């Protein structure tokens, strides 16, 4: 006769999620609680940017400045522990540091609320290895369009 196995904490973990993904989900839950408590969302974004290293921090700082300048109606708020910008309570765009998930490049992406629709297919995220004048100009154009 088989004996019943007592469930352990390890048994309750979710297979398939990396440690980084589980940490991001925990950060998102924390962000939701902080938002309800009326936390200073922009200060949280700036603190997360300050925690980043090297090129991640440099790109996040530039993107934050671009969004503030070209789409001031977007509200900064962290999203899964990364800088994001919302309109009417919905994430429009976000920056994801390459260190977050140990990838080769950072990502600047857009959510559905951005409505960047262009024909039958359009880009919703961009790999970033550096931000030169051309990349900054393109991001400013996209952010303006998304905020509009």
N, C-alpha and C. Protein backbone atom coordinates (compact mmCIF):
# COMPACT_ATOMS: atom_id res chain seq x y z
N UNK A 1 0.84 -1.19 0.00
CA UNK A 1 0.00 0.00 0.00
C UNK A 1 0.88 1.24 0.00
N UNK A 2 0.61 2.18 -0.88
CA UNK A 2 1.41 3.40 -0.99
C UNK A 2 1.09 4.33 0.17
N UNK A 3 2.11 5.02 0.64
CA UNK A 3 1.89 5.98 1.72
C UNK A 3 1.76 7.37 1.12
N UNK A 4 0.97 8.18 1.77
CA UNK A 4 0.77 9.56 1.29
C UNK A 4 2.04 10.36 1.54
N UNK A 5 2.42 11.13 0.57
CA UNK A 5 3.62 11.97 0.68
C UNK A 5 3.21 13.33 1.22
N UNK A 6 3.89 13.79 2.24
CA UNK A 6 3.62 15.12 2.79
C UNK A 6 4.18 16.18 1.85
N UNK A 7 3.36 17.16 1.51
CA UNK A 7 3.80 18.24 0.61
C UNK A 7 4.80 19.13 1.33
N UNK A 8 5.86 19.44 0.66
CA UNK A 8 6.87 20.35 1.21
C UNK A 8 6.82 21.66 0.44
N UNK A 9 7.50 22.64 0.96
CA UNK A 9 7.55 23.93 0.28
C UNK A 9 8.13 23.78 -1.13
N UNK A 10 9.15 22.93 -1.27
CA UNK A 10 9.77 22.71 -2.58
C UNK A 10 8.77 22.13 -3.57
N UNK A 11 7.83 21.29 -3.07
CA UNK A 11 6.82 20.70 -3.95
C UNK A 11 5.87 21.76 -4.50
N UNK A 12 5.72 22.86 -3.79
CA UNK A 12 4.78 23.89 -4.19
C UNK A 12 5.38 24.93 -5.14
N UNK A 13 6.64 24.78 -5.49
CA UNK A 13 7.26 25.73 -6.41
C UNK A 13 6.72 25.48 -7.81
N UNK A 14 6.85 26.46 -8.67
CA UNK A 14 6.34 26.37 -10.02
C UNK A 14 7.45 25.95 -10.97
N UNK A 15 7.33 24.76 -11.49
CA UNK A 15 8.31 24.29 -12.46
C UNK A 15 8.29 25.19 -13.68
N UNK A 16 9.44 25.41 -14.24
CA UNK A 16 9.52 26.19 -15.47
C UNK A 16 9.87 27.66 -15.27
N UNK A 17 9.72 28.19 -14.06
CA UNK A 17 10.08 29.58 -13.81
C UNK A 17 11.50 29.63 -13.27
N UNK A 18 12.31 30.51 -13.84
CA UNK A 18 13.67 30.68 -13.35
C UNK A 18 13.63 31.48 -12.04
N UNK A 19 14.73 31.49 -11.34
CA UNK A 19 14.83 32.28 -10.11
C UNK A 19 14.57 33.75 -10.41
N UNK A 20 15.06 34.22 -11.56
CA UNK A 20 14.85 35.63 -11.95
C UNK A 20 13.37 35.91 -12.22
N UNK A 21 12.69 34.96 -12.85
CA UNK A 21 11.25 35.15 -13.12
C UNK A 21 10.45 35.14 -11.82
N UNK A 22 10.78 34.24 -10.91
CA UNK A 22 10.08 34.22 -9.62
C UNK A 22 10.32 35.52 -8.86
N UNK A 23 11.55 36.03 -8.91
CA UNK A 23 11.87 37.29 -8.23
C UNK A 23 11.08 38.44 -8.85
N UNK A 24 10.94 38.44 -10.18
CA UNK A 24 10.18 39.50 -10.86
C UNK A 24 8.71 39.45 -10.44
N UNK A 25 8.15 38.27 -10.31
CA UNK A 25 6.75 38.15 -9.89
C UNK A 25 6.57 38.66 -8.47
N UNK A 26 7.53 38.36 -7.60
CA UNK A 26 7.47 38.86 -6.23
C UNK A 26 7.56 40.38 -6.21
N UNK A 27 8.42 40.93 -7.06
CA UNK A 27 8.54 42.39 -7.14
C UNK A 27 7.24 43.02 -7.62
N UNK A 28 6.58 42.37 -8.57
CA UNK A 28 5.32 42.90 -9.09
C UNK A 28 4.25 42.93 -7.99
N UNK A 29 4.18 41.88 -7.19
CA UNK A 29 3.22 41.86 -6.08
C UNK A 29 3.52 42.99 -5.10
N UNK A 30 4.80 43.22 -4.81
CA UNK A 30 5.22 44.30 -3.92
C UNK A 30 4.83 45.67 -4.52
N UNK A 31 5.01 45.82 -5.83
CA UNK A 31 4.66 47.08 -6.51
C UNK A 31 3.16 47.36 -6.41
N UNK A 32 2.36 46.32 -6.55
CA UNK A 32 0.91 46.49 -6.47
C UNK A 32 0.50 46.96 -5.08
N UNK A 33 1.12 46.40 -4.06
CA UNK A 33 0.83 46.82 -2.68
C UNK A 33 1.28 48.26 -2.45
N UNK A 34 2.46 48.61 -2.96
CA UNK A 34 2.98 49.97 -2.80
C UNK A 34 2.07 50.99 -3.50
N UNK A 35 1.56 50.63 -4.67
CA UNK A 35 0.66 51.53 -5.40
C UNK A 35 -0.61 51.79 -4.60
N UNK A 36 -1.14 50.75 -4.00
CA UNK A 36 -2.34 50.91 -3.17
C UNK A 36 -2.07 51.81 -1.97
N UNK A 37 -0.84 51.73 -1.46
CA UNK A 37 -0.47 52.52 -0.28
C UNK A 37 -0.09 53.95 -0.66
N UNK A 38 -0.08 54.29 -1.95
CA UNK A 38 0.22 55.64 -2.38
C UNK A 38 1.70 55.97 -2.41
N UNK A 39 2.54 54.98 -2.65
CA UNK A 39 4.00 55.19 -2.69
C UNK A 39 4.37 56.14 -3.84
N UNK A 40 5.52 56.77 -3.71
CA UNK A 40 6.04 57.67 -4.74
C UNK A 40 6.62 56.82 -5.87
N UNK A 41 5.83 56.58 -6.90
CA UNK A 41 6.20 55.66 -7.99
C UNK A 41 7.44 56.13 -8.75
N UNK A 42 7.55 57.43 -9.01
CA UNK A 42 8.72 57.90 -9.75
C UNK A 42 9.99 57.72 -8.93
N UNK A 43 9.91 57.93 -7.64
CA UNK A 43 11.07 57.71 -6.78
C UNK A 43 11.49 56.24 -6.83
N UNK A 44 10.51 55.35 -6.89
CA UNK A 44 10.81 53.91 -7.01
C UNK A 44 11.51 53.62 -8.34
N UNK A 45 11.05 54.23 -9.41
CA UNK A 45 11.68 54.04 -10.73
C UNK A 45 13.13 54.52 -10.68
N UNK A 46 13.34 55.71 -10.16
CA UNK A 46 14.69 56.26 -10.08
C UNK A 46 15.60 55.41 -9.20
N UNK A 47 15.04 54.84 -8.13
CA UNK A 47 15.83 53.97 -7.26
C UNK A 47 16.22 52.69 -8.00
N UNK A 48 15.31 52.13 -8.78
CA UNK A 48 15.61 50.92 -9.55
C UNK A 48 16.68 51.21 -10.61
N UNK A 49 16.57 52.36 -11.24
CA UNK A 49 17.58 52.74 -12.23
C UNK A 49 18.94 52.88 -11.56
N UNK A 50 18.97 53.51 -10.39
CA UNK A 50 20.23 53.72 -9.66
C UNK A 50 20.88 52.40 -9.25
N UNK A 51 20.08 51.35 -9.06
CA UNK A 51 20.62 50.03 -8.70
C UNK A 51 21.28 49.32 -9.88
N UNK A 52 20.96 49.75 -11.09
CA UNK A 52 21.50 49.09 -12.29
C UNK A 52 22.97 49.41 -12.46
N UNK A 53 23.66 48.55 -13.19
CA UNK A 53 25.08 48.73 -13.46
C UNK A 53 25.31 49.15 -14.91
N UNK A 54 26.41 49.84 -15.12
CA UNK A 54 26.94 50.13 -16.45
C UNK A 54 25.95 50.58 -17.50
N UNK A 55 25.96 49.88 -18.64
CA UNK A 55 25.15 50.29 -19.78
C UNK A 55 23.66 50.20 -19.49
N UNK A 56 23.24 49.26 -18.63
CA UNK A 56 21.82 49.19 -18.27
C UNK A 56 21.37 50.50 -17.63
N UNK A 57 22.16 50.98 -16.67
CA UNK A 57 21.80 52.22 -15.98
C UNK A 57 21.84 53.41 -16.94
N UNK A 58 22.87 53.48 -17.77
CA UNK A 58 22.98 54.60 -18.72
C UNK A 58 21.78 54.63 -19.67
N UNK A 59 21.39 53.47 -20.20
CA UNK A 59 20.25 53.44 -21.12
C UNK A 59 18.94 53.74 -20.39
N UNK A 60 18.77 53.20 -19.20
CA UNK A 60 17.55 53.47 -18.43
C UNK A 60 17.42 54.95 -18.10
N UNK A 61 18.53 55.59 -17.74
CA UNK A 61 18.51 57.03 -17.46
C UNK A 61 18.11 57.83 -18.69
N UNK A 62 18.68 57.47 -19.85
CA UNK A 62 18.35 58.17 -21.09
C UNK A 62 16.89 57.95 -21.47
N UNK A 63 16.42 56.73 -21.34
CA UNK A 63 15.02 56.45 -21.68
C UNK A 63 14.09 57.20 -20.75
N UNK A 64 14.40 57.23 -19.46
CA UNK A 64 13.57 57.98 -18.51
C UNK A 64 13.50 59.45 -18.93
N UNK A 65 14.62 60.03 -19.29
CA UNK A 65 14.65 61.43 -19.71
C UNK A 65 13.85 61.63 -21.00
N UNK A 66 13.97 60.71 -21.94
CA UNK A 66 13.22 60.81 -23.20
C UNK A 66 11.72 60.77 -22.94
N UNK A 67 11.29 59.83 -22.12
CA UNK A 67 9.86 59.71 -21.83
C UNK A 67 9.36 60.97 -21.12
N UNK A 68 10.10 61.44 -20.13
CA UNK A 68 9.68 62.64 -19.40
C UNK A 68 9.57 63.85 -20.33
N UNK A 69 10.48 63.96 -21.29
CA UNK A 69 10.49 65.10 -22.20
C UNK A 69 9.42 64.99 -23.28
N UNK A 70 9.31 63.82 -23.89
CA UNK A 70 8.45 63.69 -25.07
C UNK A 70 7.06 63.13 -24.79
N UNK A 71 6.85 62.60 -23.59
CA UNK A 71 5.53 62.07 -23.23
C UNK A 71 5.29 62.29 -21.74
N UNK A 72 5.27 63.56 -21.32
CA UNK A 72 5.12 63.84 -19.88
C UNK A 72 3.80 63.34 -19.30
N UNK A 73 2.84 63.02 -20.15
CA UNK A 73 1.56 62.51 -19.64
C UNK A 73 1.67 61.05 -19.17
N UNK A 74 2.76 60.38 -19.51
CA UNK A 74 2.98 59.02 -19.03
C UNK A 74 3.53 59.06 -17.61
N UNK A 75 3.02 58.20 -16.77
CA UNK A 75 3.40 58.16 -15.36
C UNK A 75 4.43 57.07 -15.11
N UNK A 76 5.59 57.42 -14.56
CA UNK A 76 6.60 56.40 -14.25
C UNK A 76 6.12 55.49 -13.11
N UNK A 77 6.39 54.21 -13.25
CA UNK A 77 6.11 53.26 -12.19
C UNK A 77 6.89 51.99 -12.47
N UNK A 78 7.40 51.35 -11.44
CA UNK A 78 8.10 50.09 -11.69
C UNK A 78 7.08 49.03 -12.09
N UNK A 79 7.56 48.10 -12.90
CA UNK A 79 6.73 47.00 -13.39
C UNK A 79 7.62 45.77 -13.43
N UNK A 80 7.34 44.80 -12.60
CA UNK A 80 8.20 43.63 -12.44
C UNK A 80 9.64 44.05 -12.10
N UNK A 81 9.75 45.13 -11.32
CA UNK A 81 11.05 45.58 -10.87
C UNK A 81 11.84 46.40 -11.87
N UNK A 82 11.21 46.80 -12.95
CA UNK A 82 11.89 47.56 -14.01
C UNK A 82 11.12 48.87 -14.28
N UNK A 83 11.80 49.87 -14.83
CA UNK A 83 11.12 51.12 -15.15
C UNK A 83 10.04 50.92 -16.21
N UNK A 84 8.88 51.49 -15.95
CA UNK A 84 7.78 51.43 -16.91
C UNK A 84 7.04 52.75 -16.86
N UNK A 85 6.19 52.96 -17.85
CA UNK A 85 5.48 54.22 -17.97
C UNK A 85 4.04 53.91 -18.34
N UNK A 86 3.10 54.47 -17.56
CA UNK A 86 1.69 54.14 -17.69
C UNK A 86 0.85 55.33 -18.16
N UNK A 87 -0.28 54.99 -18.74
CA UNK A 87 -1.29 55.98 -19.10
C UNK A 87 -2.63 55.35 -18.75
N UNK A 88 -3.44 56.09 -18.04
CA UNK A 88 -4.75 55.59 -17.61
C UNK A 88 -4.64 54.25 -16.90
N UNK A 89 -3.58 54.09 -16.09
CA UNK A 89 -3.40 52.88 -15.30
C UNK A 89 -2.85 51.68 -16.03
N UNK A 90 -2.55 51.82 -17.32
CA UNK A 90 -2.05 50.70 -18.11
C UNK A 90 -0.62 50.97 -18.56
N UNK A 91 0.22 49.94 -18.50
CA UNK A 91 1.60 50.09 -18.95
C UNK A 91 1.60 50.34 -20.46
N UNK A 92 2.30 51.39 -20.85
CA UNK A 92 2.45 51.74 -22.26
C UNK A 92 3.80 51.24 -22.76
N UNK A 93 4.86 51.55 -22.00
CA UNK A 93 6.20 51.13 -22.41
C UNK A 93 7.04 50.82 -21.18
N UNK A 94 8.13 50.09 -21.41
CA UNK A 94 8.96 49.66 -20.30
C UNK A 94 10.40 49.44 -20.78
N UNK A 95 11.31 49.50 -19.82
CA UNK A 95 12.71 49.17 -20.06
C UNK A 95 13.02 47.94 -19.24
N UNK A 96 13.72 46.98 -19.84
CA UNK A 96 14.16 45.79 -19.12
C UNK A 96 15.67 45.68 -19.25
N UNK A 97 16.36 45.79 -18.13
CA UNK A 97 17.81 45.69 -18.11
C UNK A 97 18.26 44.29 -18.53
N UNK A 98 19.38 44.23 -19.24
CA UNK A 98 19.88 42.92 -19.67
C UNK A 98 20.26 42.06 -18.46
N UNK A 99 20.66 42.69 -17.37
CA UNK A 99 21.04 41.95 -16.17
C UNK A 99 19.83 41.29 -15.51
N UNK A 100 18.64 41.80 -15.76
CA UNK A 100 17.44 41.27 -15.10
C UNK A 100 17.27 39.78 -15.34
N UNK A 101 17.41 39.36 -16.58
CA UNK A 101 17.26 37.95 -16.92
C UNK A 101 18.53 37.37 -17.54
N UNK A 102 19.64 38.08 -17.31
CA UNK A 102 20.96 37.64 -17.78
C UNK A 102 20.96 37.39 -19.30
N UNK A 103 20.49 38.39 -20.02
CA UNK A 103 20.44 38.29 -21.48
C UNK A 103 21.55 39.13 -22.11
N UNK A 104 21.70 38.98 -23.41
CA UNK A 104 22.76 39.65 -24.16
C UNK A 104 22.47 41.14 -24.35
N UNK A 105 21.21 41.53 -24.31
CA UNK A 105 20.84 42.92 -24.57
C UNK A 105 19.68 43.35 -23.68
N UNK A 106 19.57 44.65 -23.46
CA UNK A 106 18.43 45.23 -22.76
C UNK A 106 17.27 45.30 -23.75
N UNK A 107 16.09 45.56 -23.23
CA UNK A 107 14.90 45.63 -24.07
C UNK A 107 14.12 46.90 -23.75
N UNK A 108 13.65 47.57 -24.79
CA UNK A 108 12.66 48.63 -24.61
C UNK A 108 11.43 48.14 -25.34
N UNK A 109 10.32 48.04 -24.60
CA UNK A 109 9.14 47.45 -25.20
C UNK A 109 7.88 48.25 -24.95
N UNK A 110 6.86 47.86 -25.69
CA UNK A 110 5.56 48.50 -25.61
C UNK A 110 4.49 47.46 -25.35
N UNK A 111 3.50 47.82 -24.58
CA UNK A 111 2.36 46.97 -24.31
C UNK A 111 1.22 47.37 -25.25
N UNK A 112 0.16 46.63 -25.20
CA UNK A 112 -0.99 46.86 -26.07
C UNK A 112 -1.54 48.28 -25.98
N UNK A 113 -1.50 48.87 -24.79
CA UNK A 113 -2.01 50.23 -24.58
C UNK A 113 -1.30 51.25 -25.45
N UNK A 114 -0.11 50.93 -25.94
CA UNK A 114 0.64 51.86 -26.79
C UNK A 114 -0.02 52.04 -28.15
N UNK A 115 -0.74 51.05 -28.60
CA UNK A 115 -1.43 51.10 -29.89
C UNK A 115 -0.53 51.58 -31.02
N UNK A 116 0.58 50.91 -31.18
CA UNK A 116 1.53 51.24 -32.24
C UNK A 116 1.20 50.53 -33.56
N UNK A 117 -0.03 50.10 -33.68
CA UNK A 117 -0.47 49.34 -34.84
C UNK A 117 0.00 49.97 -36.15
N UNK A 118 0.56 49.13 -36.99
CA UNK A 118 1.06 49.57 -38.29
C UNK A 118 0.83 48.43 -39.29
N UNK A 119 -0.30 48.48 -39.97
CA UNK A 119 -0.62 47.40 -40.90
C UNK A 119 -0.95 46.13 -40.15
N UNK A 120 -0.56 45.00 -40.72
CA UNK A 120 -0.85 43.72 -40.12
C UNK A 120 0.22 43.21 -39.18
N UNK A 121 1.36 43.94 -39.09
CA UNK A 121 2.46 43.50 -38.23
C UNK A 121 3.30 44.71 -37.82
N UNK A 122 3.71 44.74 -36.55
CA UNK A 122 4.55 45.84 -36.07
C UNK A 122 5.38 45.35 -34.88
N UNK A 123 6.46 46.04 -34.66
CA UNK A 123 7.35 45.69 -33.54
C UNK A 123 6.76 46.19 -32.23
N UNK A 124 6.90 45.39 -31.19
CA UNK A 124 6.47 45.81 -29.85
C UNK A 124 7.63 45.86 -28.86
N UNK A 125 8.79 45.37 -29.26
CA UNK A 125 9.96 45.50 -28.39
C UNK A 125 11.22 45.57 -29.24
N UNK A 126 12.23 46.19 -28.64
CA UNK A 126 13.47 46.45 -29.34
C UNK A 126 14.65 46.05 -28.47
N UNK A 127 15.59 45.34 -29.05
CA UNK A 127 16.83 44.99 -28.36
C UNK A 127 17.73 46.23 -28.35
N UNK A 128 18.33 46.50 -27.21
CA UNK A 128 19.22 47.66 -27.07
C UNK A 128 20.59 47.22 -26.58
N UNK A 129 21.62 47.62 -27.33
CA UNK A 129 22.99 47.42 -26.86
C UNK A 129 23.65 48.76 -26.57
N UNK A 130 23.10 49.82 -27.16
CA UNK A 130 23.58 51.18 -26.92
C UNK A 130 22.49 52.14 -27.36
N UNK A 131 22.58 53.36 -26.88
CA UNK A 131 21.64 54.40 -27.29
C UNK A 131 22.41 55.58 -27.85
N UNK A 132 22.49 55.63 -29.15
CA UNK A 132 23.08 56.77 -29.82
C UNK A 132 21.98 57.73 -30.24
N UNK A 133 22.34 58.75 -30.98
CA UNK A 133 21.37 59.77 -31.40
C UNK A 133 20.23 59.17 -32.21
N UNK A 134 20.53 58.25 -33.12
CA UNK A 134 19.48 57.65 -33.97
C UNK A 134 18.50 56.84 -33.13
N UNK A 135 19.01 56.06 -32.18
CA UNK A 135 18.14 55.25 -31.33
C UNK A 135 17.29 56.15 -30.42
N UNK A 136 17.90 57.18 -29.88
CA UNK A 136 17.16 58.11 -29.01
C UNK A 136 16.04 58.80 -29.79
N UNK A 137 16.32 59.20 -31.02
CA UNK A 137 15.31 59.85 -31.85
C UNK A 137 14.15 58.90 -32.13
N UNK A 138 14.45 57.65 -32.45
CA UNK A 138 13.41 56.66 -32.74
C UNK A 138 12.57 56.37 -31.50
N UNK A 139 13.22 56.24 -30.35
CA UNK A 139 12.48 56.01 -29.11
C UNK A 139 11.55 57.20 -28.81
N UNK A 140 12.05 58.40 -29.00
CA UNK A 140 11.21 59.60 -28.77
C UNK A 140 9.99 59.58 -29.69
N UNK A 141 10.18 59.23 -30.96
CA UNK A 141 9.05 59.16 -31.89
C UNK A 141 8.03 58.13 -31.45
N UNK A 142 8.50 56.95 -31.07
CA UNK A 142 7.60 55.88 -30.65
C UNK A 142 6.85 56.22 -29.37
N UNK A 143 7.56 56.83 -28.42
CA UNK A 143 6.94 57.21 -27.15
C UNK A 143 5.86 58.27 -27.38
N UNK A 144 6.15 59.25 -28.23
CA UNK A 144 5.14 60.27 -28.56
C UNK A 144 3.90 59.63 -29.16
N UNK A 145 4.13 58.72 -30.11
CA UNK A 145 3.02 58.02 -30.77
C UNK A 145 2.22 57.20 -29.75
N UNK A 146 2.92 56.50 -28.89
CA UNK A 146 2.26 55.65 -27.90
C UNK A 146 1.47 56.46 -26.87
N UNK A 147 1.97 57.64 -26.52
CA UNK A 147 1.30 58.47 -25.52
C UNK A 147 0.12 59.22 -26.09
N UNK A 148 0.13 59.39 -27.41
CA UNK A 148 -0.89 60.19 -28.09
C UNK A 148 -2.22 59.57 -28.05
